[in-house]
N, C-alpha and C. Protein backbone atom coordinates (compact mmCIF):
# COMPACT_ATOMS: atom_id res chain seq x y z
N MET A 1 53.38 112.16 85.55
CA MET A 1 53.41 111.99 86.43
C MET A 1 52.75 110.58 86.90
N LYS A 2 53.15 109.58 86.85
CA LYS A 2 52.50 107.90 87.00
C LYS A 2 51.29 107.60 88.33
N ILE A 3 50.74 107.43 88.18
CA ILE A 3 49.13 107.35 88.78
C ILE A 3 49.10 105.70 88.81
N ALA A 4 48.25 105.18 90.13
CA ALA A 4 47.94 104.03 90.34
C ALA A 4 47.04 104.49 91.07
N TRP A 5 45.53 104.16 90.73
CA TRP A 5 44.06 104.11 91.14
C TRP A 5 43.74 103.05 91.26
N PHE A 6 43.14 102.62 92.26
CA PHE A 6 42.77 101.73 93.09
C PHE A 6 40.62 102.12 93.32
N CYS A 7 39.74 101.14 92.91
CA CYS A 7 38.45 101.48 92.60
C CYS A 7 38.00 99.73 93.51
N ILE A 8 37.35 99.67 93.61
CA ILE A 8 35.58 99.36 93.95
C ILE A 8 35.05 98.81 92.67
N PRO A 9 34.44 97.19 92.47
CA PRO A 9 33.57 97.60 91.72
C PRO A 9 32.02 98.65 91.54
N ALA A 10 32.36 99.11 91.64
CA ALA A 10 30.95 99.84 92.19
C ALA A 10 30.74 101.45 91.23
N HIS A 11 29.17 101.40 90.71
CA HIS A 11 29.66 102.28 90.00
C HIS A 11 29.43 103.71 90.09
N GLY A 12 28.68 103.39 91.55
CA GLY A 12 28.98 104.64 92.85
C GLY A 12 30.30 105.64 93.29
N HIS A 13 31.21 104.29 93.28
CA HIS A 13 32.70 105.26 93.28
C HIS A 13 33.48 104.71 92.01
N THR A 14 32.51 104.01 90.96
CA THR A 14 33.77 104.36 89.40
C THR A 14 33.88 105.35 88.97
N ASN A 15 32.48 105.47 88.74
CA ASN A 15 31.80 106.75 87.76
C ASN A 15 32.48 107.86 88.11
N PRO A 16 32.12 108.49 89.42
CA PRO A 16 33.40 109.88 89.88
C PRO A 16 34.48 109.85 89.61
N ALA A 17 35.54 109.06 89.70
CA ALA A 17 36.69 108.86 89.82
C ALA A 17 36.91 109.56 87.73
N LEU A 18 36.03 108.78 87.59
CA LEU A 18 36.47 108.92 85.85
C LEU A 18 36.85 110.15 85.92
N GLY A 19 36.08 111.44 86.38
CA GLY A 19 35.79 112.60 85.45
C GLY A 19 37.61 113.36 86.29
N VAL A 20 37.94 112.92 87.35
CA VAL A 20 39.08 113.22 87.80
C VAL A 20 40.48 112.33 87.18
N VAL A 21 40.08 111.92 86.41
CA VAL A 21 40.72 110.41 86.06
C VAL A 21 41.45 111.27 84.15
N ARG A 22 39.96 111.52 83.58
CA ARG A 22 40.03 112.12 82.21
C ARG A 22 40.39 114.13 82.74
N GLU A 23 40.49 114.52 83.44
CA GLU A 23 41.69 115.90 83.89
C GLU A 23 43.26 114.97 83.76
N LEU A 24 43.34 114.51 84.85
CA LEU A 24 44.34 114.16 84.76
C LEU A 24 45.12 113.31 83.59
N THR A 25 44.83 112.47 82.63
CA THR A 25 45.41 112.05 81.28
C THR A 25 45.00 113.00 80.95
N SER A 26 43.95 114.19 80.82
CA SER A 26 44.56 114.76 79.32
C SER A 26 45.40 116.14 79.79
N ALA A 27 45.71 115.99 80.71
CA ALA A 27 46.77 117.42 81.61
C ALA A 27 48.30 116.05 81.09
N GLY A 28 48.72 114.97 80.51
CA GLY A 28 49.81 114.39 79.78
C GLY A 28 50.11 114.11 81.56
N HIS A 29 48.80 113.51 82.23
CA HIS A 29 50.02 112.05 83.17
C HIS A 29 49.24 110.57 82.87
N ARG A 30 49.95 109.85 83.45
CA ARG A 30 49.86 108.33 82.96
C ARG A 30 48.88 108.28 84.12
N VAL A 31 47.41 107.41 84.27
CA VAL A 31 47.03 107.19 85.49
C VAL A 31 46.41 105.65 84.83
N TYR A 32 47.13 104.73 85.83
CA TYR A 32 47.19 102.87 86.21
C TYR A 32 46.17 102.78 86.79
N PHE A 33 44.32 102.35 85.50
CA PHE A 33 42.92 102.61 86.89
C PHE A 33 43.11 100.41 87.53
N PHE A 34 42.97 100.20 88.07
CA PHE A 34 42.98 98.59 88.82
C PHE A 34 41.88 98.97 89.40
N SER A 35 40.82 97.88 88.38
CA SER A 35 39.25 97.80 88.88
C SER A 35 39.08 96.40 88.02
N PHE A 36 38.18 96.88 87.31
CA PHE A 36 36.92 95.27 86.86
C PHE A 36 36.33 94.99 85.18
N GLU A 37 36.65 93.88 84.87
CA GLU A 37 36.35 94.17 83.46
C GLU A 37 35.25 94.99 83.51
N MET A 38 34.43 95.19 83.94
CA MET A 38 33.04 95.79 84.05
C MET A 38 32.80 97.32 83.78
N PHE A 39 34.17 97.94 84.13
CA PHE A 39 34.50 98.68 83.98
C PHE A 39 35.70 99.16 82.75
N ARG A 40 36.31 97.68 82.21
CA ARG A 40 36.93 98.81 80.99
C ARG A 40 36.95 99.67 80.57
N GLU A 41 35.96 99.81 79.25
CA GLU A 41 35.49 100.04 78.44
C GLU A 41 35.50 101.86 79.09
N LYS A 42 34.42 102.09 80.08
CA LYS A 42 34.70 103.56 80.73
C LYS A 42 36.21 103.86 81.72
N ILE A 43 36.99 103.37 81.59
CA ILE A 43 37.92 103.47 82.16
C ILE A 43 39.18 103.95 80.79
N GLU A 44 39.29 103.42 79.50
CA GLU A 44 39.83 103.60 78.79
C GLU A 44 39.60 104.78 78.46
N GLN A 45 38.44 104.69 78.26
CA GLN A 45 37.28 106.35 77.71
C GLN A 45 38.14 107.08 78.58
N ALA A 46 38.41 107.23 79.44
CA ALA A 46 38.66 108.26 80.24
C ALA A 46 40.39 109.06 79.88
N GLY A 47 41.03 107.91 79.61
CA GLY A 47 42.78 108.30 79.14
C GLY A 47 43.37 107.01 79.86
N ALA A 48 42.58 106.40 80.98
CA ALA A 48 43.71 105.46 82.03
C ALA A 48 43.86 104.19 80.97
N THR A 49 45.09 103.59 81.79
CA THR A 49 45.31 102.21 81.01
C THR A 49 44.86 101.30 82.34
N PHE A 50 43.75 100.44 81.80
CA PHE A 50 43.10 99.65 82.59
C PHE A 50 43.76 98.45 83.37
N ILE A 51 43.85 98.64 83.79
CA ILE A 51 44.52 96.29 84.96
C ILE A 51 43.52 95.54 85.28
N GLY A 52 43.17 95.00 85.07
CA GLY A 52 42.21 93.86 85.77
C GLY A 52 42.55 93.30 87.16
N CYS A 53 41.36 93.28 87.88
CA CYS A 53 41.47 92.49 89.60
C CYS A 53 40.10 91.55 88.85
N ASP A 54 40.10 90.99 87.98
CA ASP A 54 39.06 90.26 87.84
C ASP A 54 39.40 88.96 88.50
N GLY A 55 39.05 87.74 88.46
CA GLY A 55 39.88 86.95 88.36
C GLY A 55 40.08 85.82 89.54
N TYR A 56 39.13 86.86 91.08
CA TYR A 56 39.64 86.64 91.89
C TYR A 56 38.00 85.91 92.43
N ASP A 57 37.72 85.66 93.67
CA ASP A 57 36.56 84.74 94.22
C ASP A 57 36.21 86.11 95.17
N PHE A 58 34.83 86.96 94.64
CA PHE A 58 35.55 88.33 95.70
C PHE A 58 33.44 87.29 96.32
N GLU A 59 32.65 86.62 96.03
CA GLU A 59 32.08 86.18 95.73
C GLU A 59 30.70 86.94 95.74
N MET A 60 30.98 88.27 94.78
CA MET A 60 29.88 89.27 94.54
C MET A 60 29.17 88.98 92.97
N GLU A 61 29.48 87.39 92.53
CA GLU A 61 28.50 87.04 91.32
C GLU A 61 26.83 86.50 91.65
N ASP A 62 27.21 86.70 92.35
CA ASP A 62 25.63 86.49 93.31
C ASP A 62 24.64 87.36 93.57
N LYS A 63 23.99 87.96 93.19
CA LYS A 63 23.03 88.74 93.27
C LYS A 63 22.52 89.03 94.36
N GLY A 64 22.55 87.96 95.06
CA GLY A 64 21.89 88.21 96.77
C GLY A 64 23.11 88.58 96.95
N ASN A 65 24.61 87.98 97.29
CA ASN A 65 25.72 88.09 97.75
C ASN A 65 25.94 89.59 97.64
N ALA A 66 25.60 90.31 96.65
CA ALA A 66 25.94 91.92 95.98
C ALA A 66 24.94 92.77 96.84
N ASP A 67 23.85 92.16 97.66
CA ASP A 67 22.47 93.05 97.91
C ASP A 67 23.44 92.65 99.10
N ARG A 68 23.43 92.15 99.93
CA ARG A 68 23.84 92.02 101.16
C ARG A 68 25.01 93.07 101.66
N VAL A 69 25.93 93.25 101.05
CA VAL A 69 26.64 93.69 100.94
C VAL A 69 26.49 95.87 101.52
N GLY A 70 25.42 96.65 101.52
CA GLY A 70 25.25 97.18 102.12
C GLY A 70 24.28 97.31 103.14
N LYS A 71 24.17 95.90 103.66
CA LYS A 71 23.84 95.66 104.78
C LYS A 71 23.53 94.68 105.61
N ASP A 72 23.88 94.30 105.83
CA ASP A 72 25.43 93.18 106.14
C ASP A 72 26.52 93.57 106.74
N LYS A 73 26.80 94.49 107.37
CA LYS A 73 28.21 94.54 107.86
C LYS A 73 29.32 93.61 107.85
N VAL A 74 28.81 92.15 108.77
CA VAL A 74 29.79 91.53 108.97
C VAL A 74 30.35 90.36 107.45
N PHE A 75 29.11 90.84 106.87
CA PHE A 75 29.99 90.19 105.40
C PHE A 75 30.31 90.75 105.09
N ALA A 76 29.97 92.64 104.50
CA ALA A 76 30.83 93.44 103.81
C ALA A 76 31.78 93.32 104.12
N THR A 77 32.61 93.26 105.61
CA THR A 77 33.73 92.91 106.00
C THR A 77 34.47 92.01 105.37
N GLU A 78 33.87 91.49 106.10
CA GLU A 78 34.62 90.11 105.13
C GLU A 78 34.46 89.66 103.82
N LEU A 79 34.07 90.05 102.76
CA LEU A 79 34.16 90.08 101.84
C LEU A 79 35.69 91.42 101.32
N LEU A 80 35.56 92.15 102.27
CA LEU A 80 36.78 93.36 101.80
C LEU A 80 37.75 92.99 102.69
N VAL A 81 38.05 91.91 103.35
CA VAL A 81 39.01 91.04 104.20
C VAL A 81 39.76 90.17 103.24
N SER A 82 38.89 89.57 102.91
CA SER A 82 39.24 88.17 101.91
C SER A 82 39.60 89.02 100.36
N SER A 83 38.88 90.08 99.75
CA SER A 83 39.57 90.92 98.26
C SER A 83 41.09 91.27 98.99
N THR A 84 40.86 91.70 100.00
CA THR A 84 42.56 92.38 99.72
C THR A 84 43.33 91.21 100.08
N LEU A 85 43.12 90.09 100.68
CA LEU A 85 44.65 89.48 100.74
C LEU A 85 44.62 88.41 99.31
N ALA A 86 43.14 88.34 98.23
CA ALA A 86 43.53 87.90 97.21
C ALA A 86 44.29 88.76 96.20
N LEU A 87 43.96 89.88 96.21
CA LEU A 87 44.49 91.08 95.52
C LEU A 87 45.66 91.75 95.62
N ASP A 88 46.47 90.83 97.34
CA ASP A 88 47.98 91.91 97.68
C ASP A 88 49.02 91.31 96.90
N GLU A 89 49.06 90.16 96.34
CA GLU A 89 50.56 90.16 95.72
C GLU A 89 50.25 90.75 94.03
N MET A 90 48.69 90.60 93.69
CA MET A 90 48.95 90.85 91.92
C MET A 90 49.52 92.59 92.31
N THR A 91 48.20 92.77 93.17
CA THR A 91 48.72 94.55 93.18
C THR A 91 49.82 95.08 93.43
N THR A 92 51.03 94.94 94.13
CA THR A 92 51.76 94.56 94.84
C THR A 92 52.88 94.53 93.94
N LYS A 93 53.16 93.45 93.24
CA LYS A 93 53.88 93.49 91.87
C LYS A 93 53.73 94.27 90.96
N LYS A 94 52.82 94.81 90.99
CA LYS A 94 52.04 96.06 89.76
C LYS A 94 52.99 97.07 90.37
N VAL A 95 52.38 97.78 91.10
CA VAL A 95 52.76 98.87 91.34
C VAL A 95 54.29 98.96 91.53
N GLU A 96 54.73 97.89 91.90
CA GLU A 96 56.38 97.45 91.76
C GLU A 96 57.31 98.00 90.47
N GLU A 97 56.18 97.47 89.60
CA GLU A 97 56.80 97.69 88.12
C GLU A 97 56.35 99.62 87.70
N ILE A 98 55.24 99.04 87.77
CA ILE A 98 54.72 100.43 87.41
C ILE A 98 55.77 102.31 88.24
N ASN A 99 56.00 101.94 89.64
CA ASN A 99 56.65 102.67 90.17
C ASN A 99 56.16 103.98 90.14
N PRO A 100 54.75 104.18 90.77
CA PRO A 100 54.60 105.31 90.71
C PRO A 100 54.16 107.05 91.12
N ASP A 101 54.12 107.69 90.77
CA ASP A 101 54.38 109.00 91.92
C ASP A 101 53.29 109.06 93.05
N LEU A 102 52.25 108.08 92.85
CA LEU A 102 51.50 108.86 93.79
C LEU A 102 50.83 107.54 93.94
N VAL A 103 49.69 107.02 94.40
CA VAL A 103 48.63 106.13 94.44
C VAL A 103 47.28 106.53 95.20
N VAL A 104 46.33 106.49 94.61
CA VAL A 104 44.75 106.78 94.46
C VAL A 104 44.45 105.99 94.53
N SER A 105 43.58 105.65 96.11
CA SER A 105 42.81 104.20 96.56
C SER A 105 41.11 104.86 97.01
N ASP A 106 40.68 104.49 96.30
CA ASP A 106 38.79 104.48 97.24
C ASP A 106 38.77 103.90 98.38
N SER A 107 37.91 104.80 99.37
CA SER A 107 37.67 104.46 100.64
C SER A 107 37.83 102.89 100.88
N VAL A 108 37.11 103.07 99.95
CA VAL A 108 36.92 100.67 99.85
C VAL A 108 37.78 99.76 99.43
N ALA A 109 38.51 100.70 99.07
CA ALA A 109 39.65 99.31 98.15
C ALA A 109 40.68 99.48 99.17
N PHE A 110 40.51 98.44 99.76
CA PHE A 110 41.90 98.10 100.71
C PHE A 110 43.08 97.92 100.28
N TRP A 111 42.84 97.48 98.90
CA TRP A 111 43.75 96.69 98.82
C TRP A 111 44.90 97.61 97.97
N GLY A 112 44.39 98.48 97.99
CA GLY A 112 45.41 99.86 96.95
C GLY A 112 46.18 100.21 98.21
N LYS A 113 45.48 100.21 99.53
CA LYS A 113 46.10 101.00 100.83
C LYS A 113 47.44 101.17 101.46
N LEU A 114 47.26 99.25 101.02
CA LEU A 114 48.65 98.30 101.37
C LEU A 114 49.84 98.36 100.28
N VAL A 115 48.95 98.65 99.08
CA VAL A 115 51.06 99.29 98.34
C VAL A 115 51.69 100.21 99.02
């Protein structure tokens, strides 16, 4: 089975997913994990194919903005909308190429819900 997996660049979202990904790949499934460079090594160690979502400006490079996400709901919403719009074309194209049997999307990775 081919699985497209989408996750936000956060340890609390990515790390728990990797155990499931490891089990899936160990069972012979192909997992294509859409994430960010900071998690590439862990994702590949879990047996998944890493697909980078870097190169889009999510305003998260600024530590102050990253801290705001959990505290400022308006800012977090704007960030999620801009991220989703920025990633839409790339993720749609990649998913068409992969033609997965299953799509798994993190609760906050809205760009994965649109494919």
